[in-house]
Amino acid sequence: EGYDNCMVPEPGFIGNGFCFVDGVLPYSSEQCGFDGGDCPLPSPVEGYPNCLVSFPDRIADGTCLDSLPYNSYDCGFDGGDCLPP
């Protein structure tokens, strides 16, 4: 409610008290109020100046988070976790 420009498959997840899947887009976006306030505001990731994510410690943690913004060029494809073998 109150997020007219928030286009997500499951609107009931917005503002439900849980940050949806580590703050992936489009839930953790300005249009969706960063999951209705459930997700921390995106912050920069050391070594990736154009990478802004809600959970910077998830970048290069050994597990591919195959969603935007984590698995993107700006975030080094999750710090290399999502690169093909």
C-alpha atoms as a PDB file:
ATOM      1  CA  GLU A   1       0.000   0.000   0.000  1.00  0.00           C
ATOM      2  CA  GLY A   2       1.334   3.405  -0.951  1.00  0.00           C
ATOM      3  CA  TYR A   3       3.739   2.076  -3.570  1.00  0.00           C
ATOM      4  CA  ASP A   4       1.861   2.769  -6.804  1.00  0.00           C
ATOM      5  CA  ASN A   5       4.965   2.325  -8.988  1.00  0.00           C
ATOM      6  CA  CYS A   6       6.061  -0.904  -7.304  1.00  0.00           C
ATOM      7  CA  MET A   7       5.579  -3.718  -9.805  1.00  0.00           C
ATOM      8  CA  VAL A   8       6.333  -7.089  -8.185  1.00  0.00           C
ATOM      9  CA  PRO A   9       4.914 -10.586  -8.681  1.00  0.00           C
ATOM     10  CA  GLU A  10       3.929 -10.906  -5.000  1.00  0.00           C
ATOM     11  CA  PRO A  11       2.780  -7.537  -3.581  1.00  0.00           C
ATOM     12  CA  GLY A  12       1.962  -9.178  -0.248  1.00  0.00           C
ATOM     13  CA  PHE A  13       5.680  -9.557   0.395  1.00  0.00           C
ATOM     14  CA  ILE A  14       6.116  -5.766   0.542  1.00  0.00           C
ATOM     15  CA  GLY A  15       6.239  -4.622   4.152  1.00  0.00           C
ATOM     16  CA  ASN A  16       5.573  -8.049   5.634  1.00  0.00           C
ATOM     17  CA  GLY A  17       8.392  -7.808   8.179  1.00  0.00           C
ATOM     18  CA  PHE A  18      10.977  -9.750   6.150  1.00  0.00           C
ATOM     19  CA  CYS A  19      13.477  -8.466   3.604  1.00  0.00           C
ATOM     20  CA  PHE A  20      12.664 -10.474   0.450  1.00  0.00           C
ATOM     21  CA  VAL A  21      15.580 -12.743  -0.597  1.00  0.00           C
ATOM     22  CA  ASP A  22      18.439 -10.600   0.690  1.00  0.00           C
ATOM     23  CA  GLY A  23      17.138  -7.424  -0.878  1.00  0.00           C
ATOM     24  CA  VAL A  24      16.867  -8.313  -4.557  1.00  0.00           C
ATOM     25  CA  LEU A  25      15.179  -6.171  -7.175  1.00  0.00           C
ATOM     26  CA  PRO A  26      12.456  -5.150  -7.700  1.00  0.00           C
ATOM     27  CA  TYR A  27      11.399  -5.643  -4.055  1.00  0.00           C
ATOM     28  CA  SER A  28      14.346  -3.723  -2.612  1.00  0.00           C
ATOM     29  CA  SER A  29      13.959  -0.664  -4.818  1.00  0.00           C
ATOM     30  CA  GLU A  30      13.070   2.948  -4.212  1.00  0.00           C
ATOM     31  CA  GLN A  31       9.734   2.372  -5.992  1.00  0.00           C
ATOM     32  CA  CYS A  32       8.892  -0.365  -3.466  1.00  0.00           C
ATOM     33  CA  GLY A  33      10.151   1.542  -0.436  1.00  0.00           C
ATOM     34  CA  PHE A  34      12.989  -0.977  -0.049  1.00  0.00           C
ATOM     35  CA  ASP A  35      10.499  -3.759   0.546  1.00  0.00           C
ATOM     36  CA  GLY A  36       8.238  -1.474   2.535  1.00  0.00           C
ATOM     37  CA  GLY A  37      11.049  -0.732   4.966  1.00  0.00           C
ATOM     38  CA  ASP A  38      11.926  -4.401   5.514  1.00  0.00           C
ATOM     39  CA  CYS A  39      15.326  -4.141   3.741  1.00  0.00           C
ATOM     40  CA  PRO A  40      18.259  -1.937   4.691  1.00  0.00           C
ATOM     41  CA  LEU A  41      19.045   0.863   2.264  1.00  0.00           C
ATOM     42  CA  PRO A  42      21.545  -0.261  -0.376  1.00  0.00           C
ATOM     43  CA  SER A  43      25.149   0.559   0.405  1.00  0.00           C
ATOM     44  CA  PRO A  44      28.369   0.376  -1.626  1.00  0.00           C
ATOM     45  CA  VAL A  45      30.488  -2.747  -1.847  1.00  0.00           C
ATOM     46  CA  GLU A  46      34.242  -2.426  -1.391  1.00  0.00           C
ATOM     47  CA  GLY A  47      36.023  -3.088  -4.674  1.00  0.00           C
ATOM     48  CA  TYR A  48      32.857  -2.522  -6.727  1.00  0.00           C
ATOM     49  CA  PRO A  49      32.248   1.258  -6.777  1.00  0.00           C
ATOM     50  CA  ASN A  50      28.995   1.050  -8.776  1.00  0.00           C
ATOM     51  CA  CYS A  51      27.551  -1.864  -6.815  1.00  0.00           C
ATOM     52  CA  LEU A  52      24.875  -0.903  -4.282  1.00  0.00           C
ATOM     53  CA  VAL A  53      23.159  -3.733  -2.414  1.00  0.00           C
ATOM     54  CA  SER A  54      21.226  -4.163   0.825  1.00  0.00           C
ATOM     55  CA  PHE A  55      23.608  -6.828   2.107  1.00  0.00           C
ATOM     56  CA  PRO A  56      27.188  -6.110   0.945  1.00  0.00           C
ATOM     57  CA  ASP A  57      28.506  -9.148   2.845  1.00  0.00           C
ATOM     58  CA  ARG A  58      26.617 -11.374   0.375  1.00  0.00           C
ATOM     59  CA  ILE A  59      28.985 -10.289  -2.439  1.00  0.00           C
ATOM     60  CA  ALA A  60      31.763 -12.869  -2.949  1.00  0.00           C
ATOM     61  CA  ASP A  61      30.578 -15.016  -0.040  1.00  0.00           C
ATOM     62  CA  GLY A  62      30.993 -18.275  -1.976  1.00  0.00           C
ATOM     63  CA  THR A  63      27.311 -18.618  -2.959  1.00  0.00           C
ATOM     64  CA  CYS A  64      25.846 -17.252  -6.194  1.00  0.00           C
ATOM     65  CA  LEU A  65      22.902 -14.968  -5.485  1.00  0.00           C
ATOM     66  CA  ASP A  66      21.502 -15.161  -9.015  1.00  0.00           C
ATOM     67  CA  SER A  67      19.340 -12.024  -8.878  1.00  0.00           C
ATOM     68  CA  LEU A  68      19.776  -8.326  -9.519  1.00  0.00           C
ATOM     69  CA  PRO A  69      21.552  -6.307  -8.339  1.00  0.00           C
ATOM     70  CA  TYR A  70      23.942  -8.961  -6.977  1.00  0.00           C
ATOM     71  CA  ASN A  71      24.462 -10.929 -10.200  1.00  0.00           C
ATOM     72  CA  SER A  72      25.311  -7.928 -12.384  1.00  0.00           C
ATOM     73  CA  TYR A  73      28.323  -6.448 -14.132  1.00  0.00           C
ATOM     74  CA  ASP A  74      28.527  -3.626 -11.551  1.00  0.00           C
ATOM     75  CA  CYS A  75      28.703  -6.166  -8.715  1.00  0.00           C
ATOM     76  CA  GLY A  76      31.229  -8.415 -10.469  1.00  0.00           C
ATOM     77  CA  PHE A  77      28.565 -11.097 -10.952  1.00  0.00           C
ATOM     78  CA  ASP A  78      28.205 -11.492  -7.203  1.00  0.00           C
ATOM     79  CA  GLY A  79      31.901 -10.929  -6.688  1.00  0.00           C
ATOM     80  CA  GLY A  80      32.698 -13.878  -8.942  1.00  0.00           C
ATOM     81  CA  ASP A  81      30.288 -16.292  -7.245  1.00  0.00           C
ATOM     82  CA  CYS A  82      28.027 -16.367 -10.335  1.00  0.00           C
ATOM     83  CA  LEU A  83      30.731 -16.732 -12.988  1.00  0.00           C
ATOM     84  CA  PRO A  84      30.596 -19.967 -14.997  1.00  0.00           C
ATOM     85  CA  PRO A  85      33.159 -22.586 -13.936  1.00  0.00           C
END
